[in-house]
Amino acid sequence: MDTSPPAINNRISEEVVAEAIASVVESARYQGQSLDDLVAEVLQDDPILDQVQRQWLSKIVTQAWRSLP
């Protein structure tokens, strides 16, 4: 039995992904979370992303955190 996620035919634009990450960073800041808190959440086990993907995403979130006002 194949347990991989279903293939998605529609590509999500980089702009949409960037906006989503920026919204997550803004929300975390609003809730008083630190960058370390947010990265810890991103790195938690997840059925959708594997460990390599979570590591990559944590680096992107860190870059966004540092570059957003």
N, C-alpha and C. Protein backbone atom coordinates (compact mmCIF):
# COMPACT_ATOMS: atom_id res chain seq x y z
N MET A 1 0.85 -1.19 0.00
CA MET A 1 0.00 0.00 0.00
C MET A 1 0.88 1.24 0.00
N ASP A 2 0.59 2.17 -0.89
CA ASP A 2 1.37 3.40 -1.01
C ASP A 2 0.89 4.41 0.02
N THR A 3 1.81 4.86 0.88
CA THR A 3 1.43 5.83 1.93
C THR A 3 1.92 7.23 1.61
N SER A 4 2.44 7.43 0.40
CA SER A 4 2.91 8.78 0.05
C SER A 4 1.72 9.68 -0.21
N PRO A 5 1.91 11.00 0.00
CA PRO A 5 0.80 11.92 -0.23
C PRO A 5 0.41 11.92 -1.70
N PRO A 6 -0.85 12.22 -1.98
CA PRO A 6 -1.29 12.23 -3.37
C PRO A 6 -0.56 13.32 -4.17
N ALA A 7 -0.34 13.06 -5.42
CA ALA A 7 0.31 14.05 -6.28
C ALA A 7 -0.63 15.23 -6.49
N ILE A 8 -0.06 16.39 -6.49
CA ILE A 8 -0.85 17.61 -6.71
C ILE A 8 -0.48 18.15 -8.07
N ASN A 9 -1.47 18.29 -8.93
CA ASN A 9 -1.22 18.75 -10.29
C ASN A 9 -1.03 20.26 -10.36
N ASN A 10 -1.63 21.00 -9.46
CA ASN A 10 -1.52 22.45 -9.47
C ASN A 10 -0.30 22.87 -8.68
N ARG A 11 0.54 23.66 -9.30
CA ARG A 11 1.73 24.16 -8.60
C ARG A 11 1.33 25.39 -7.81
N ILE A 12 1.91 25.53 -6.65
CA ILE A 12 1.67 26.71 -5.83
C ILE A 12 2.80 27.68 -6.12
N SER A 13 2.47 28.92 -6.38
CA SER A 13 3.50 29.89 -6.75
C SER A 13 4.40 30.21 -5.57
N GLU A 14 5.61 30.60 -5.87
CA GLU A 14 6.57 30.98 -4.84
C GLU A 14 6.03 32.15 -4.02
N GLU A 15 5.30 33.03 -4.68
CA GLU A 15 4.73 34.19 -3.99
C GLU A 15 3.74 33.76 -2.91
N VAL A 16 2.92 32.79 -3.20
CA VAL A 16 1.94 32.31 -2.23
C VAL A 16 2.66 31.67 -1.04
N VAL A 17 3.70 30.89 -1.32
CA VAL A 17 4.46 30.26 -0.25
C VAL A 17 5.15 31.32 0.60
N ALA A 18 5.75 32.32 -0.04
CA ALA A 18 6.42 33.39 0.70
C ALA A 18 5.43 34.15 1.59
N GLU A 19 4.24 34.42 1.07
CA GLU A 19 3.21 35.10 1.86
C GLU A 19 2.78 34.26 3.04
N ALA A 20 2.67 32.96 2.84
CA ALA A 20 2.26 32.06 3.92
C ALA A 20 3.32 32.03 5.02
N ILE A 21 4.58 31.95 4.63
CA ILE A 21 5.67 31.94 5.62
C ILE A 21 5.71 33.26 6.37
N ALA A 22 5.55 34.37 5.67
CA ALA A 22 5.53 35.68 6.32
C ALA A 22 4.38 35.77 7.31
N SER A 23 3.22 35.23 6.95
CA SER A 23 2.06 35.25 7.85
C SER A 23 2.32 34.42 9.11
N VAL A 24 2.98 33.28 8.94
CA VAL A 24 3.31 32.43 10.09
C VAL A 24 4.27 33.16 11.02
N VAL A 25 5.27 33.83 10.45
CA VAL A 25 6.24 34.57 11.26
C VAL A 25 5.54 35.70 12.00
N GLU A 26 4.71 36.45 11.30
CA GLU A 26 3.98 37.55 11.94
C GLU A 26 3.08 37.04 13.06
N SER A 27 2.39 35.95 12.82
CA SER A 27 1.50 35.37 13.82
C SER A 27 2.29 34.91 15.05
N ALA A 28 3.41 34.27 14.82
CA ALA A 28 4.24 33.80 15.94
C ALA A 28 4.72 34.97 16.78
N ARG A 29 5.16 36.02 16.12
CA ARG A 29 5.61 37.21 16.86
C ARG A 29 4.46 37.83 17.66
N TYR A 30 3.29 37.91 17.03
CA TYR A 30 2.12 38.48 17.70
C TYR A 30 1.77 37.68 18.95
N GLN A 31 1.96 36.36 18.89
CA GLN A 31 1.65 35.50 20.02
C GLN A 31 2.78 35.44 21.05
N GLY A 32 3.84 36.20 20.80
CA GLY A 32 4.93 36.26 21.76
C GLY A 32 5.93 35.13 21.66
N GLN A 33 5.89 34.38 20.57
CA GLN A 33 6.83 33.29 20.39
C GLN A 33 8.19 33.85 19.97
N SER A 34 9.23 33.12 20.32
CA SER A 34 10.57 33.46 19.86
C SER A 34 10.85 32.70 18.57
N LEU A 35 11.94 33.07 17.92
CA LEU A 35 12.36 32.33 16.74
C LEU A 35 12.63 30.88 17.10
N ASP A 36 13.26 30.65 18.24
CA ASP A 36 13.54 29.27 18.68
C ASP A 36 12.25 28.48 18.86
N ASP A 37 11.21 29.11 19.41
CA ASP A 37 9.92 28.43 19.58
C ASP A 37 9.35 28.01 18.22
N LEU A 38 9.39 28.95 17.28
CA LEU A 38 8.83 28.68 15.95
C LEU A 38 9.62 27.58 15.23
N VAL A 39 10.93 27.66 15.30
CA VAL A 39 11.75 26.63 14.67
C VAL A 39 11.48 25.26 15.30
N ALA A 40 11.31 25.22 16.60
CA ALA A 40 11.01 23.95 17.27
C ALA A 40 9.70 23.37 16.75
N GLU A 41 8.71 24.22 16.51
CA GLU A 41 7.44 23.75 15.96
C GLU A 41 7.63 23.18 14.56
N VAL A 42 8.41 23.89 13.74
CA VAL A 42 8.64 23.45 12.37
C VAL A 42 9.36 22.10 12.36
N LEU A 43 10.26 21.88 13.31
CA LEU A 43 11.06 20.66 13.33
C LEU A 43 10.35 19.47 13.97
N GLN A 44 9.17 19.69 14.57
CA GLN A 44 8.43 18.57 15.16
C GLN A 44 8.05 17.57 14.08
N ASP A 45 7.98 16.29 14.50
CA ASP A 45 7.56 15.25 13.56
C ASP A 45 6.25 15.63 12.91
N ASP A 46 6.15 15.33 11.62
CA ASP A 46 4.98 15.73 10.85
C ASP A 46 4.72 14.66 9.80
N PRO A 47 3.46 14.28 9.61
CA PRO A 47 3.18 13.24 8.61
C PRO A 47 3.31 13.72 7.17
N ILE A 48 3.40 15.03 6.96
CA ILE A 48 3.46 15.57 5.59
C ILE A 48 4.90 15.80 5.14
N LEU A 49 5.71 16.38 6.02
CA LEU A 49 7.10 16.70 5.67
C LEU A 49 8.05 15.72 6.34
N ASP A 50 9.07 15.30 5.61
CA ASP A 50 10.09 14.46 6.22
C ASP A 50 11.13 15.34 6.93
N GLN A 51 12.09 14.71 7.57
CA GLN A 51 13.06 15.46 8.37
C GLN A 51 13.87 16.44 7.52
N VAL A 52 14.26 16.04 6.34
CA VAL A 52 15.05 16.92 5.46
C VAL A 52 14.21 18.13 5.06
N GLN A 53 12.96 17.92 4.72
CA GLN A 53 12.08 19.02 4.35
C GLN A 53 11.85 19.97 5.53
N ARG A 54 11.69 19.41 6.73
CA ARG A 54 11.49 20.25 7.92
C ARG A 54 12.74 21.08 8.21
N GLN A 55 13.92 20.49 8.03
CA GLN A 55 15.17 21.24 8.23
C GLN A 55 15.26 22.39 7.23
N TRP A 56 14.95 22.10 5.98
CA TRP A 56 14.98 23.13 4.94
C TRP A 56 13.98 24.25 5.27
N LEU A 57 12.77 23.86 5.66
CA LEU A 57 11.75 24.85 5.99
C LEU A 57 12.17 25.68 7.21
N SER A 58 12.81 25.07 8.18
CA SER A 58 13.25 25.83 9.36
C SER A 58 14.27 26.90 8.98
N LYS A 59 15.11 26.60 7.99
CA LYS A 59 16.08 27.61 7.53
C LYS A 59 15.38 28.75 6.82
N ILE A 60 14.37 28.44 6.03
CA ILE A 60 13.60 29.47 5.34
C ILE A 60 12.85 30.34 6.35
N VAL A 61 12.25 29.71 7.35
CA VAL A 61 11.53 30.45 8.40
C VAL A 61 12.49 31.37 9.15
N THR A 62 13.68 30.87 9.43
CA THR A 62 14.69 31.69 10.13
C THR A 62 15.08 32.89 9.27
N GLN A 63 15.28 32.69 7.99
CA GLN A 63 15.61 33.81 7.09
C GLN A 63 14.48 34.83 7.07
N ALA A 64 13.25 34.34 7.00
CA ALA A 64 12.10 35.24 6.99
C ALA A 64 12.02 36.03 8.28
N TRP A 65 12.23 35.35 9.41
CA TRP A 65 12.16 36.01 10.71
C TRP A 65 13.16 37.16 10.78
N ARG A 66 14.36 36.91 10.29
CA ARG A 66 15.43 37.91 10.36
C ARG A 66 15.27 39.03 9.35
N SER A 67 14.56 38.78 8.26
CA SER A 67 14.44 39.81 7.22
C SER A 67 13.17 40.63 7.31
N LEU A 68 12.15 40.11 7.99
CA LEU A 68 10.89 40.87 8.11
C LEU A 68 11.01 41.90 9.23
N PRO A 69 10.40 43.06 9.01
CA PRO A 69 10.46 44.12 10.04
C PRO A 69 9.71 43.74 11.30
